[in-house]
Amino acid sequence: MDLETVIGLEVHAQLLTATKIFCGCSTEFGRPPNSLTCPVCLAMPGTLPSLNRKVVEFAMKMALATGCRINRRNTFARKNYFYPDLPKGYQISQDNLPIAEEGQLLIELEGEKKKIGITRIHMEEDAGKLIHDDHNPASYVDLNRTGVPLIEIVGEPDIRSPEEAAEYLRRLHEILVYLDICDGNMEEGSFRCDANVSIRPRGQKEFGTRTELKNMNSFRNVQRALEYEVRRQQYLVENGEKIVQETRLWDDAQGATHSMRGKEEAHDYRYFPDPDLVPVVVDEAWVAGI
């Protein structure tokens, strides 16, 4: 069969601000667990978030660098899910009114140029970190990272090969570092990528069943993981088997992806506007200054 690969990437970039997005705690990496916290990022009752202006300016920089339309009025929303490293029981993010939309990135591969669409860029806070004990049936929670500012860059499913995906990521990485809004350190999690990958008969408009890949901490591993996953899906289709919609983790040592959890339907995060944060209004003068 003549099969076509379809890839869409979601990139989280940690912003190089001195303090967190909604409180005055430091964003320094590598400090003792739970030493960079306060009542706001620990979600103590009665506390209120206060937006870090620098986060908005850094998000606008990336929007302008990728040709996005900056929404003059954008809002924050509560994304509800329950993880032990999410103190509030929800993450403050953006939903239907993000900071920026409809951009693009130009990549070049083997002398050929191609435009990859960017659906949206939105601001959000990071969650904490779970540390799993190898010797006891226990996990520990470090909330230093809770509230660290992120932008999520959501790409269109315009990528047709693992090589294109790796080049797109390198280009995004270059821009973020050049703008001095992200240090781009993949080992420390400052630049993280999730990939949605599917295959379909060439010429078909409808997308195939997709899998989501996680745990890729280098450009090389992103490309290797995508190459493996494309081969795995092609093998299933060519042998008459069904591709299951699921989240899969990349295992660098084995050079393979493994099923993490089923994802038969999209998560219902029950987004609703955050009542503690007013809309962000961006005027022409602010954009011109950036």
Protein backbone atom coordinates (compact mmCIF):
# COMPACT_ATOMS: atom_id res chain seq x y z
CA MET A 1 0.00 0.00 0.00
CA ASP A 2 1.10 3.57 -0.69
CA LEU A 3 0.75 5.10 2.78
CA GLU A 4 1.24 8.72 3.80
CA THR A 5 2.49 9.80 7.23
CA VAL A 6 0.70 12.63 9.07
CA ILE A 7 2.42 14.24 12.07
CA GLY A 8 1.37 17.13 14.32
CA LEU A 9 3.61 18.42 17.10
CA GLU A 10 2.77 20.12 20.39
CA VAL A 11 5.74 21.92 21.94
CA HIS A 12 5.97 23.25 25.50
CA ALA A 13 8.63 25.90 26.07
CA GLN A 14 9.49 27.09 29.57
CA LEU A 15 9.87 30.85 29.61
CA LEU A 16 13.01 32.52 30.97
CA THR A 17 11.33 34.65 33.60
CA ALA A 18 12.87 35.08 37.06
CA THR A 19 9.57 34.30 38.80
CA LYS A 20 6.56 32.08 38.22
CA ILE A 21 3.54 33.03 36.14
CA PHE A 22 1.09 33.82 38.98
CA CYS A 23 3.30 34.35 42.06
CA GLY A 24 6.71 35.69 43.07
CA CYS A 25 8.47 32.33 43.59
CA SER A 26 11.75 31.73 41.76
CA THR A 27 11.88 29.53 38.64
CA GLU A 28 15.47 28.39 39.35
CA PHE A 29 16.20 24.78 38.34
CA GLY A 30 17.76 22.18 40.64
CA ARG A 31 16.86 23.57 44.06
CA PRO A 32 15.89 21.21 46.95
CA PRO A 33 12.38 19.76 46.55
CA ASN A 34 9.51 22.02 47.59
CA SER A 35 11.84 24.91 48.49
CA LEU A 36 10.50 27.28 45.80
CA THR A 37 6.86 27.40 46.82
CA CYS A 38 4.38 29.77 48.45
CA PRO A 39 0.68 29.76 49.40
CA VAL A 40 -0.29 30.76 45.83
CA CYS A 41 1.48 27.98 43.92
CA LEU A 42 0.59 25.49 46.70
CA ALA A 43 -3.09 26.46 46.17
CA MET A 44 -3.80 27.36 49.78
CA PRO A 45 -7.43 28.41 50.36
CA GLY A 46 -8.09 32.10 49.78
CA THR A 47 -5.02 32.84 47.65
CA LEU A 48 -5.34 34.64 44.32
CA PRO A 49 -3.12 34.52 41.20
CA SER A 50 -1.48 37.68 39.83
CA LEU A 51 -0.27 37.54 36.21
CA ASN A 52 3.42 38.07 35.44
CA ARG A 53 3.52 40.74 32.69
CA LYS A 54 6.82 39.38 31.33
CA VAL A 55 5.10 36.09 30.43
CA VAL A 56 2.67 37.92 28.15
CA GLU A 57 5.52 39.85 26.50
CA PHE A 58 7.56 36.67 25.88
CA ALA A 59 4.50 34.93 24.40
CA MET A 60 3.92 37.90 22.08
CA LYS A 61 7.57 37.78 20.96
CA MET A 62 7.17 34.18 19.83
CA ALA A 63 3.85 35.01 18.18
CA LEU A 64 5.41 37.82 16.14
CA ALA A 65 8.43 35.67 15.21
CA THR A 66 6.14 32.98 13.78
CA GLY A 67 3.70 35.30 12.00
CA CYS A 68 0.79 34.64 14.34
CA ARG A 69 -2.17 36.92 14.81
CA ILE A 70 -2.09 38.31 18.36
CA ASN A 71 -5.56 38.30 19.89
CA ARG A 72 -6.17 41.76 21.32
CA ARG A 73 -8.32 40.22 24.03
CA ASN A 74 -7.38 36.83 25.42
CA THR A 75 -8.45 34.99 28.53
CA PHE A 76 -7.29 32.35 30.98
CA ALA A 77 -9.26 29.17 31.66
CA ARG A 78 -9.18 26.33 34.15
CA LYS A 79 -8.23 22.96 32.68
CA ASN A 80 -9.51 20.35 35.10
CA TYR A 81 -7.68 17.09 35.75
CA PHE A 82 -6.52 15.31 38.87
CA TYR A 83 -2.84 14.45 39.28
CA PRO A 84 -0.98 14.37 42.61
CA ASP A 85 1.44 17.06 41.34
CA LEU A 86 -1.37 19.53 40.52
CA PRO A 87 -2.25 21.20 43.84
CA LYS A 88 -5.33 23.11 42.67
CA GLY A 89 -6.90 20.14 40.89
CA TYR A 90 -6.81 22.23 37.71
CA GLN A 91 -4.20 23.92 35.55
CA ILE A 92 -4.51 27.58 34.57
CA SER A 93 -4.20 27.63 30.78
CA GLN A 94 -5.96 29.23 27.80
CA ASP A 95 -8.76 27.68 25.79
CA ASN A 96 -10.92 29.38 23.16
CA LEU A 97 -9.19 32.78 23.42
CA PRO A 98 -5.41 32.18 23.40
CA ILE A 99 -2.72 34.85 23.09
CA ALA A 100 -2.04 34.05 19.41
CA GLU A 101 -3.30 32.02 16.45
CA GLU A 102 -2.75 31.22 12.75
CA GLY A 103 1.01 31.42 12.28
CA GLN A 104 3.54 29.41 10.31
CA LEU A 105 7.13 28.25 10.29
CA LEU A 106 9.29 27.85 7.21
CA ILE A 107 11.55 24.79 7.19
CA GLU A 108 14.11 23.68 4.62
CA LEU A 109 15.04 20.06 4.02
CA GLU A 110 17.36 18.85 1.24
CA GLY A 111 17.04 22.19 -0.56
CA GLU A 112 13.23 22.22 -0.49
CA LYS A 113 11.28 24.75 1.54
CA LYS A 114 7.96 24.02 3.21
CA LYS A 115 5.55 25.96 5.41
CA ILE A 116 4.27 24.27 8.56
CA GLY A 117 1.16 25.88 10.03
CA ILE A 118 0.92 26.91 13.68
CA THR A 119 -2.61 26.60 15.02
CA ARG A 120 -2.10 28.56 18.22
CA ILE A 121 0.26 29.70 20.95
CA HIS A 122 -1.11 29.88 24.47
CA MET A 123 0.21 30.65 27.95
CA GLU A 124 -0.14 28.28 30.87
CA GLU A 125 1.40 27.17 34.14
CA ASP A 126 3.46 24.00 34.55
CA ALA A 127 2.52 21.21 36.95
CA GLY A 128 4.85 19.75 39.57
CA LYS A 129 7.00 16.66 39.29
CA LEU A 130 6.45 13.10 40.50
CA ILE A 131 9.57 11.22 41.61
CA HIS A 132 9.12 7.46 41.71
CA ASP A 133 11.02 5.42 44.30
CA ASP A 134 12.85 2.48 42.71
CA HIS A 135 13.05 0.59 46.00
CA ASN A 136 9.67 1.24 47.62
CA PRO A 137 6.10 1.32 46.26
CA ALA A 138 5.94 5.09 46.67
CA SER A 139 6.11 8.32 44.72
CA TYR A 140 7.17 11.74 45.97
CA VAL A 141 5.85 15.11 44.88
CA ASP A 142 8.14 18.08 44.17
CA LEU A 143 6.13 21.27 43.63
CA ASN A 144 9.04 23.57 42.74
CA ARG A 145 8.01 23.49 39.09
CA THR A 146 4.34 24.20 39.85
CA GLY A 147 3.45 27.57 38.36
CA VAL A 148 6.54 27.87 36.16
CA PRO A 149 5.43 29.75 33.00
CA LEU A 150 5.06 27.89 29.71
CA ILE A 151 3.91 28.60 26.22
CA GLU A 152 2.43 25.75 24.23
CA ILE A 153 2.97 25.93 20.47
CA VAL A 154 0.42 23.74 18.69
CA GLY A 155 1.34 22.86 15.12
CA GLU A 156 -0.95 21.90 12.26
CA PRO A 157 -0.78 18.26 11.03
CA ASP A 158 1.28 19.43 8.03
CA ILE A 159 4.40 17.32 8.69
CA ARG A 160 4.83 14.30 6.44
CA SER A 161 8.02 12.63 7.69
CA PRO A 162 10.11 12.20 10.86
CA GLU A 163 12.86 14.22 9.16
CA GLU A 164 10.48 17.16 8.66
CA ALA A 165 9.41 16.88 12.31
CA ALA A 166 12.99 17.07 13.56
CA GLU A 167 13.75 20.06 11.32
CA TYR A 168 10.59 21.86 12.50
CA LEU A 169 11.65 21.36 16.12
CA ARG A 170 15.19 22.58 15.46
CA ARG A 171 13.82 25.73 13.83
CA LEU A 172 11.41 26.41 16.70
CA HIS A 173 14.25 25.82 19.17
CA GLU A 174 16.52 28.28 17.32
CA ILE A 175 13.87 31.01 17.39
CA LEU A 176 13.06 30.56 21.09
CA VAL A 177 16.73 30.69 22.08
CA TYR A 178 17.48 33.61 19.72
CA LEU A 179 14.63 35.63 21.24
CA ASP A 180 16.11 34.86 24.70
CA ILE A 181 12.73 33.71 26.01
CA CYS A 182 13.65 30.02 26.59
CA ASP A 183 16.98 28.32 27.28
CA GLY A 184 15.92 25.33 25.16
CA ASN A 185 17.37 22.74 27.56
CA MET A 186 15.60 19.48 26.67
CA GLU A 187 17.34 17.50 29.42
CA GLU A 188 15.90 19.81 32.09
CA GLY A 189 12.48 19.88 30.42
CA SER A 190 12.64 23.51 29.24
CA PHE A 191 11.77 22.39 25.70
CA ARG A 192 9.37 19.45 25.50
CA CYS A 193 7.55 17.85 22.61
CA ASP A 194 4.56 15.54 22.20
CA ALA A 195 3.86 14.10 18.77
CA ASN A 196 0.61 12.92 17.21
CA VAL A 197 1.25 10.47 14.38
CA SER A 198 -1.02 8.57 12.00
CA ILE A 199 -0.90 7.05 8.54
CA ARG A 200 -3.45 6.97 5.71
CA PRO A 201 -3.61 5.87 2.07
CA ARG A 202 -2.03 8.59 -0.08
CA GLY A 203 -4.73 10.88 -1.47
CA GLN A 204 -7.20 10.20 1.35
CA LYS A 205 -8.45 13.35 3.07
CA GLU A 206 -9.59 11.79 6.33
CA PHE A 207 -6.96 11.27 9.01
CA GLY A 208 -6.14 7.79 10.24
CA THR A 209 -6.25 6.66 13.87
CA ARG A 210 -3.49 8.51 15.68
CA THR A 211 -1.19 7.72 18.55
CA GLU A 212 0.43 10.26 20.85
CA LEU A 213 4.13 9.90 21.61
CA LYS A 214 5.76 11.17 24.81
CA ASN A 215 9.11 10.97 26.65
CA MET A 216 11.35 12.22 23.83
CA ASN A 217 14.19 14.39 25.17
CA SER A 218 16.30 15.15 22.10
CA PHE A 219 15.80 15.95 18.41
CA ARG A 220 17.39 12.61 17.54
CA ASN A 221 15.01 10.72 19.82
CA VAL A 222 11.99 12.53 18.36
CA GLN A 223 13.04 11.41 14.88
CA ARG A 224 13.84 7.85 16.03
CA ALA A 225 10.54 7.54 17.91
CA LEU A 226 8.54 8.76 14.92
CA GLU A 227 10.40 6.45 12.53
CA TYR A 228 9.67 3.47 14.77
CA GLU A 229 6.01 4.42 15.24
CA VAL A 230 5.44 4.92 11.50
CA ARG A 231 6.97 1.47 10.80
CA ARG A 232 4.82 -0.09 13.56
CA GLN A 233 1.62 1.41 12.17
CA GLN A 234 2.51 0.44 8.59
CA TYR A 235 3.11 -3.15 9.70
CA LEU A 236 -0.29 -3.27 11.44
CA VAL A 237 -2.15 -1.88 8.42
CA GLU A 238 -0.37 -4.10 5.91
CA ASN A 239 -1.23 -7.15 8.02
CA GLY A 240 -4.89 -6.25 8.37
CA GLU A 241 -4.65 -5.29 12.04
CA LYS A 242 -6.24 -2.29 13.74
CA ILE A 243 -4.34 0.74 15.04
CA VAL A 244 -5.46 1.63 18.56
CA GLN A 245 -5.76 5.27 19.63
CA GLU A 246 -3.46 5.52 22.63
CA THR A 247 -0.59 7.34 24.30
CA ARG A 248 2.79 5.64 23.86
CA LEU A 249 6.14 6.23 25.56
CA TRP A 250 9.47 6.20 23.75
CA ASP A 251 12.09 3.85 25.28
CA ASP A 252 15.49 5.11 24.18
CA ALA A 253 17.36 2.02 25.40
CA GLN A 254 15.16 -0.39 23.44
CA GLY A 255 14.60 1.94 20.50
CA ALA A 256 10.86 1.30 20.64
CA THR A 257 7.57 2.81 21.77
CA HIS A 258 5.40 1.13 24.40
CA SER A 259 1.74 1.59 25.26
CA MET A 260 1.22 3.90 28.25
CA ARG A 261 -2.56 4.30 28.35
CA GLY A 262 -5.56 3.94 26.09
CA LYS A 263 -7.12 7.08 24.64
CA GLU A 264 -10.29 5.96 22.94
CA GLU A 265 -11.86 9.38 23.30
CA ALA A 266 -10.45 12.85 23.83
CA HIS A 267 -10.14 13.91 27.47
CA ASP A 268 -12.91 16.19 28.69
CA TYR A 269 -10.99 18.79 30.67
CA ARG A 270 -14.19 20.78 31.34
CA TYR A 271 -12.58 24.11 30.51
CA PHE A 272 -14.24 27.21 31.91
CA PRO A 273 -13.06 30.84 32.26
CA ASP A 274 -10.92 31.43 35.35
CA PRO A 275 -12.95 33.79 37.56
CA ASP A 276 -9.83 35.01 39.41
CA LEU A 277 -8.09 36.42 36.32
CA VAL A 278 -9.34 39.31 34.20
CA PRO A 279 -8.96 39.21 30.40
CA VAL A 280 -5.57 40.28 29.00
CA VAL A 281 -6.11 43.29 26.74
CA VAL A 282 -3.29 43.93 24.28
CA ASP A 283 -3.19 47.32 22.59
CA GLU A 284 -1.30 48.37 19.46
CA ALA A 285 1.33 50.29 21.41
CA TRP A 286 2.23 47.21 23.47
CA VAL A 287 2.60 45.06 20.34
CA ALA A 288 4.66 47.77 18.62
CA GLY A 289 6.96 47.94 21.65
CA ILE A 290 7.54 44.19 21.58
